[in-house]
């Protein structure tokens, strides 16, 4: 199992289909630390966003970010943003 497959499994465990709740995954490329963070975020309408870090990848994955985004989106169906 690859590192990205493990991240997708973690996302699937956290994703609970609840009414009036918006779910998304955010990929953050930290330029100064050289790391890539992946967060699972959700919020109910009218409430604050809850964000949970699910992975911290080495900078060697930087070129693979678009492919990682597509794989997560394809396998989970969630919105994925890159910052």
C-alpha atoms as a PDB file:
ATOM      1  CA  UNK A   1       0.000   0.000   0.000  1.00  0.00           C
ATOM      2  CA  UNK A   2       1.457   3.350  -1.010  1.00  0.00           C
ATOM      3  CA  UNK A   3       1.483   6.440   1.152  1.00  0.00           C
ATOM      4  CA  UNK A   4      -1.266   8.067  -0.949  1.00  0.00           C
ATOM      5  CA  UNK A   5      -3.467   4.967  -0.659  1.00  0.00           C
ATOM      6  CA  UNK A   6      -3.114   5.167   3.132  1.00  0.00           C
ATOM      7  CA  UNK A   7      -4.157   8.842   3.019  1.00  0.00           C
ATOM      8  CA  UNK A   8      -7.238   7.932   0.967  1.00  0.00           C
ATOM      9  CA  UNK A   9      -8.180   5.220   3.461  1.00  0.00           C
ATOM     10  CA  UNK A  10      -7.904   7.772   6.287  1.00  0.00           C
ATOM     11  CA  UNK A  11     -10.164  10.159   4.354  1.00  0.00           C
ATOM     12  CA  UNK A  12     -12.753   7.430   3.840  1.00  0.00           C
ATOM     13  CA  UNK A  13     -12.742   6.676   7.586  1.00  0.00           C
ATOM     14  CA  UNK A  14     -13.341  10.347   8.452  1.00  0.00           C
ATOM     15  CA  UNK A  15     -15.986  10.986   5.790  1.00  0.00           C
ATOM     16  CA  UNK A  16     -19.414  10.580   7.351  1.00  0.00           C
ATOM     17  CA  UNK A  17     -22.326  11.614   5.180  1.00  0.00           C
ATOM     18  CA  UNK A  18     -24.298  13.936   7.422  1.00  0.00           C
ATOM     19  CA  UNK A  19     -26.982  16.366   6.269  1.00  0.00           C
ATOM     20  CA  UNK A  20     -26.076  20.047   5.855  1.00  0.00           C
ATOM     21  CA  UNK A  21     -22.360  19.291   6.181  1.00  0.00           C
ATOM     22  CA  UNK A  22     -19.756  20.241   3.604  1.00  0.00           C
ATOM     23  CA  UNK A  23     -16.611  18.121   3.293  1.00  0.00           C
ATOM     24  CA  UNK A  24     -13.371  18.843   1.431  1.00  0.00           C
ATOM     25  CA  UNK A  25      -9.691  18.001   1.316  1.00  0.00           C
ATOM     26  CA  UNK A  26      -7.033  20.714   1.247  1.00  0.00           C
ATOM     27  CA  UNK A  27      -3.467  20.121   0.041  1.00  0.00           C
ATOM     28  CA  UNK A  28      -1.027  22.759   1.308  1.00  0.00           C
ATOM     29  CA  UNK A  29       2.464  23.086  -0.175  1.00  0.00           C
ATOM     30  CA  UNK A  30       4.615  24.725   2.500  1.00  0.00           C
ATOM     31  CA  UNK A  31       7.395  26.421   0.568  1.00  0.00           C
ATOM     32  CA  UNK A  32       9.634  27.304   3.509  1.00  0.00           C
ATOM     33  CA  UNK A  33       9.535  23.980   5.341  1.00  0.00           C
ATOM     34  CA  UNK A  34       9.596  21.899   2.155  1.00  0.00           C
ATOM     35  CA  UNK A  35       6.692  19.744   3.319  1.00  0.00           C
ATOM     36  CA  UNK A  36       3.221  19.033   1.939  1.00  0.00           C
ATOM     37  CA  UNK A  37       0.286  18.836   4.357  1.00  0.00           C
ATOM     38  CA  UNK A  38      -3.059  17.218   3.602  1.00  0.00           C
ATOM     39  CA  UNK A  39      -6.060  18.300   5.672  1.00  0.00           C
ATOM     40  CA  UNK A  40      -9.586  16.897   5.918  1.00  0.00           C
ATOM     41  CA  UNK A  41     -12.046  19.732   6.524  1.00  0.00           C
ATOM     42  CA  UNK A  42     -15.757  19.777   7.226  1.00  0.00           C
ATOM     43  CA  UNK A  43     -18.327  22.202   8.486  1.00  0.00           C
ATOM     44  CA  UNK A  44     -22.023  22.393   9.107  1.00  0.00           C
ATOM     45  CA  UNK A  45     -23.819  25.343   7.650  1.00  0.00           C
ATOM     46  CA  UNK A  46     -23.681  28.160  10.209  1.00  0.00           C
ATOM     47  CA  UNK A  47     -20.830  26.620  12.247  1.00  0.00           C
ATOM     48  CA  UNK A  48     -17.036  26.925  12.245  1.00  0.00           C
ATOM     49  CA  UNK A  49     -14.849  24.778   9.999  1.00  0.00           C
ATOM     50  CA  UNK A  50     -13.133  21.790  11.586  1.00  0.00           C
ATOM     51  CA  UNK A  51      -9.780  20.925  10.043  1.00  0.00           C
ATOM     52  CA  UNK A  52      -7.774  17.788  10.768  1.00  0.00           C
ATOM     53  CA  UNK A  53      -4.309  17.049   9.414  1.00  0.00           C
ATOM     54  CA  UNK A  54      -4.229  13.557   7.940  1.00  0.00           C
ATOM     55  CA  UNK A  55      -0.809  13.484   6.282  1.00  0.00           C
ATOM     56  CA  UNK A  56       2.506  15.301   6.091  1.00  0.00           C
ATOM     57  CA  UNK A  57       4.499  14.361   3.005  1.00  0.00           C
ATOM     58  CA  UNK A  58       8.085  15.095   2.071  1.00  0.00           C
ATOM     59  CA  UNK A  59       8.861  17.708  -0.585  1.00  0.00           C
ATOM     60  CA  UNK A  60       9.693  14.929  -3.058  1.00  0.00           C
ATOM     61  CA  UNK A  61       5.940  14.597  -3.679  1.00  0.00           C
ATOM     62  CA  UNK A  62       5.747  18.205  -4.960  1.00  0.00           C
ATOM     63  CA  UNK A  63       5.705  17.240  -8.647  1.00  0.00           C
ATOM     64  CA  UNK A  64       2.974  14.678  -7.957  1.00  0.00           C
ATOM     65  CA  UNK A  65       0.497  17.120  -6.345  1.00  0.00           C
ATOM     66  CA  UNK A  66      -1.830  17.343  -9.400  1.00  0.00           C
ATOM     67  CA  UNK A  67      -1.892  13.536  -9.682  1.00  0.00           C
ATOM     68  CA  UNK A  68      -2.524  13.186  -5.934  1.00  0.00           C
ATOM     69  CA  UNK A  69      -5.393  15.664  -6.200  1.00  0.00           C
ATOM     70  CA  UNK A  70      -6.995  13.726  -9.063  1.00  0.00           C
ATOM     71  CA  UNK A  71      -6.575  10.382  -7.294  1.00  0.00           C
ATOM     72  CA  UNK A  72      -8.163  11.642  -4.060  1.00  0.00           C
ATOM     73  CA  UNK A  73     -11.021  13.297  -5.947  1.00  0.00           C
ATOM     74  CA  UNK A  74     -11.633  10.206  -8.076  1.00  0.00           C
ATOM     75  CA  UNK A  75     -11.629   7.713  -5.198  1.00  0.00           C
ATOM     76  CA  UNK A  76     -13.535   9.770  -2.592  1.00  0.00           C
ATOM     77  CA  UNK A  77     -15.690  12.139  -4.657  1.00  0.00           C
ATOM     78  CA  UNK A  78     -14.746  15.068  -2.391  1.00  0.00           C
ATOM     79  CA  UNK A  79     -13.684  18.559  -3.409  1.00  0.00           C
ATOM     80  CA  UNK A  80      -9.883  18.883  -3.309  1.00  0.00           C
ATOM     81  CA  UNK A  81      -8.133  22.271  -3.240  1.00  0.00           C
ATOM     82  CA  UNK A  82      -4.444  23.117  -3.504  1.00  0.00           C
ATOM     83  CA  UNK A  83      -2.932  26.074  -1.661  1.00  0.00           C
END
